[in-house]
Amino acid sequence: MKHFVHPELGGLELTCQMLLDPGQSHSLLVYTAIPGSESHEKLQLLSVIGTQALGPA
C-alpha cells in the first residue's frame, strides 16, 4: 500500500503493481485503489475534474 497526498483531493491509499519487461529492462508501475474505498471515489472524481482547481480561483 502506497500513500499519496493530492493537492486538491487529499490523502490517497493505492496498491502498486510492477510489470517488468526483462528483455528491454523496462518496468511499468500501475497504481490502483480498492473498489468502493474512499481513495477509489477520489480517483473517479479526479478522472472527471482533470486539472481543474476545486477551490476559488
N, C-alpha and C. Protein backbone atom coordinates (compact mmCIF):
# COMPACT_ATOMS: atom_id res chain seq x y z
N MET A 1 0.85 -1.17 0.00
CA MET A 1 0.00 0.00 0.00
C MET A 1 0.90 1.24 0.00
N LYS A 2 0.64 2.15 -0.92
CA LYS A 2 1.38 3.41 -1.01
C LYS A 2 0.44 4.54 -0.64
N HIS A 3 1.00 5.55 0.01
CA HIS A 3 0.21 6.71 0.43
C HIS A 3 0.67 7.93 -0.36
N PHE A 4 -0.31 8.65 -0.92
CA PHE A 4 -0.05 9.86 -1.68
C PHE A 4 -0.95 10.97 -1.14
N VAL A 5 -0.52 12.21 -1.32
CA VAL A 5 -1.35 13.36 -0.96
C VAL A 5 -1.53 14.21 -2.21
N HIS A 6 -2.76 14.26 -2.69
CA HIS A 6 -3.09 15.08 -3.85
C HIS A 6 -3.44 16.48 -3.35
N PRO A 7 -2.99 17.53 -4.04
CA PRO A 7 -3.23 18.89 -3.54
C PRO A 7 -4.70 19.28 -3.43
N GLU A 8 -5.57 18.70 -4.23
CA GLU A 8 -6.99 19.04 -4.19
C GLU A 8 -7.83 18.00 -3.44
N LEU A 9 -7.46 16.73 -3.55
CA LEU A 9 -8.29 15.65 -3.00
C LEU A 9 -7.83 15.12 -1.66
N GLY A 10 -6.60 15.44 -1.29
CA GLY A 10 -6.07 14.95 -0.01
C GLY A 10 -5.45 13.58 -0.14
N GLY A 11 -5.50 12.81 0.94
CA GLY A 11 -4.82 11.53 1.02
C GLY A 11 -5.44 10.45 0.14
N LEU A 12 -4.56 9.66 -0.46
CA LEU A 12 -4.96 8.52 -1.27
C LEU A 12 -4.14 7.31 -0.84
N GLU A 13 -4.78 6.16 -0.71
CA GLU A 13 -4.10 4.90 -0.42
C GLU A 13 -4.26 4.00 -1.64
N LEU A 14 -3.14 3.71 -2.30
CA LEU A 14 -3.17 2.96 -3.54
C LEU A 14 -2.27 1.74 -3.45
N THR A 15 -2.71 0.67 -4.10
CA THR A 15 -1.85 -0.50 -4.23
C THR A 15 -1.01 -0.34 -5.49
N CYS A 16 0.14 -0.97 -5.51
CA CYS A 16 1.07 -0.81 -6.62
C CYS A 16 1.46 -2.17 -7.16
N GLN A 17 1.45 -2.29 -8.47
CA GLN A 17 1.95 -3.49 -9.15
C GLN A 17 3.07 -3.04 -10.08
N MET A 18 4.15 -3.81 -10.12
CA MET A 18 5.23 -3.54 -11.05
C MET A 18 5.23 -4.61 -12.14
N LEU A 19 5.11 -4.16 -13.37
CA LEU A 19 5.16 -5.06 -14.52
C LEU A 19 6.53 -4.91 -15.16
N LEU A 20 7.24 -6.01 -15.31
CA LEU A 20 8.61 -5.99 -15.81
C LEU A 20 8.70 -6.57 -17.21
N ASP A 21 9.55 -5.96 -18.01
CA ASP A 21 9.93 -6.49 -19.31
C ASP A 21 11.44 -6.73 -19.26
N PRO A 22 11.86 -7.89 -18.79
CA PRO A 22 13.28 -8.13 -18.58
C PRO A 22 14.10 -8.05 -19.87
N GLY A 23 13.49 -8.33 -21.00
CA GLY A 23 14.21 -8.25 -22.26
C GLY A 23 14.59 -6.83 -22.65
N GLN A 24 13.81 -5.87 -22.19
CA GLN A 24 14.05 -4.47 -22.54
C GLN A 24 14.51 -3.64 -21.34
N SER A 25 14.59 -4.25 -20.19
CA SER A 25 14.94 -3.55 -18.94
C SER A 25 13.97 -2.40 -18.65
N HIS A 26 12.71 -2.60 -18.98
CA HIS A 26 11.67 -1.61 -18.71
C HIS A 26 10.77 -2.13 -17.59
N SER A 27 10.20 -1.18 -16.86
CA SER A 27 9.18 -1.55 -15.87
C SER A 27 8.06 -0.52 -15.92
N LEU A 28 6.88 -0.96 -15.55
CA LEU A 28 5.70 -0.11 -15.52
C LEU A 28 5.06 -0.26 -14.16
N LEU A 29 4.85 0.87 -13.47
CA LEU A 29 4.16 0.85 -12.18
C LEU A 29 2.70 1.19 -12.42
N VAL A 30 1.82 0.36 -11.87
CA VAL A 30 0.37 0.56 -12.00
C VAL A 30 -0.20 0.74 -10.60
N TYR A 31 -0.80 1.91 -10.36
CA TYR A 31 -1.40 2.22 -9.06
C TYR A 31 -2.91 2.13 -9.18
N THR A 32 -3.53 1.42 -8.25
CA THR A 32 -4.98 1.27 -8.24
C THR A 32 -5.50 1.42 -6.81
N ALA A 33 -6.77 1.75 -6.72
CA ALA A 33 -7.42 1.85 -5.42
C ALA A 33 -8.38 0.68 -5.27
N ILE A 34 -8.63 0.28 -4.05
CA ILE A 34 -9.57 -0.79 -3.78
C ILE A 34 -10.98 -0.31 -4.14
N PRO A 35 -11.70 -1.05 -5.00
CA PRO A 35 -13.06 -0.64 -5.38
C PRO A 35 -13.93 -0.41 -4.14
N GLY A 36 -14.68 0.71 -4.17
CA GLY A 36 -15.57 1.05 -3.07
C GLY A 36 -14.91 1.84 -1.95
N SER A 37 -13.58 1.98 -2.01
CA SER A 37 -12.88 2.72 -0.96
C SER A 37 -12.97 4.23 -1.21
N GLU A 38 -12.64 5.00 -0.21
CA GLU A 38 -12.62 6.46 -0.35
C GLU A 38 -11.61 6.87 -1.42
N SER A 39 -10.47 6.21 -1.46
CA SER A 39 -9.46 6.52 -2.47
C SER A 39 -9.98 6.23 -3.88
N HIS A 40 -10.75 5.17 -4.03
CA HIS A 40 -11.35 4.84 -5.33
C HIS A 40 -12.29 5.95 -5.77
N GLU A 41 -13.11 6.43 -4.86
CA GLU A 41 -14.03 7.52 -5.17
C GLU A 41 -13.27 8.79 -5.55
N LYS A 42 -12.17 9.07 -4.85
CA LYS A 42 -11.36 10.25 -5.16
C LYS A 42 -10.73 10.13 -6.55
N LEU A 43 -10.27 8.94 -6.92
CA LEU A 43 -9.70 8.75 -8.25
C LEU A 43 -10.76 8.91 -9.34
N GLN A 44 -11.97 8.46 -9.06
CA GLN A 44 -13.05 8.65 -10.03
C GLN A 44 -13.35 10.14 -10.20
N LEU A 45 -13.35 10.90 -9.10
CA LEU A 45 -13.55 12.34 -9.17
C LEU A 45 -12.42 12.99 -9.96
N LEU A 46 -11.20 12.56 -9.73
CA LEU A 46 -10.05 13.11 -10.43
C LEU A 46 -10.14 12.86 -11.93
N SER A 47 -10.69 11.71 -12.33
CA SER A 47 -10.83 11.43 -13.75
C SER A 47 -11.82 12.37 -14.42
N VAL A 48 -12.73 12.95 -13.64
CA VAL A 48 -13.73 13.88 -14.18
C VAL A 48 -13.19 15.31 -14.19
N ILE A 49 -12.56 15.71 -13.08
CA ILE A 49 -12.12 17.11 -12.99
C ILE A 49 -10.80 17.37 -13.69
N GLY A 50 -10.00 16.34 -13.88
CA GLY A 50 -8.71 16.50 -14.54
C GLY A 50 -7.82 17.49 -13.80
N THR A 51 -7.41 18.55 -14.49
CA THR A 51 -6.51 19.53 -13.88
C THR A 51 -7.25 20.78 -13.40
N GLN A 52 -8.58 20.76 -13.40
CA GLN A 52 -9.34 21.91 -12.92
C GLN A 52 -9.17 22.05 -11.41
N ALA A 53 -9.06 23.28 -10.92
CA ALA A 53 -8.98 23.54 -9.49
C ALA A 53 -10.37 23.44 -8.89
N LEU A 54 -10.47 22.86 -7.67
CA LEU A 54 -11.77 22.73 -7.00
C LEU A 54 -12.11 23.96 -6.18
N GLY A 55 -11.11 24.69 -5.71
CA GLY A 55 -11.34 25.85 -4.85
C GLY A 55 -11.50 27.13 -5.68
N PRO A 56 -11.64 28.27 -4.95
CA PRO A 56 -11.77 29.56 -5.63
C PRO A 56 -10.50 29.90 -6.41
N ALA A 57 -10.67 30.57 -7.51
CA ALA A 57 -9.52 30.92 -8.38
C ALA A 57 -8.71 32.07 -7.84
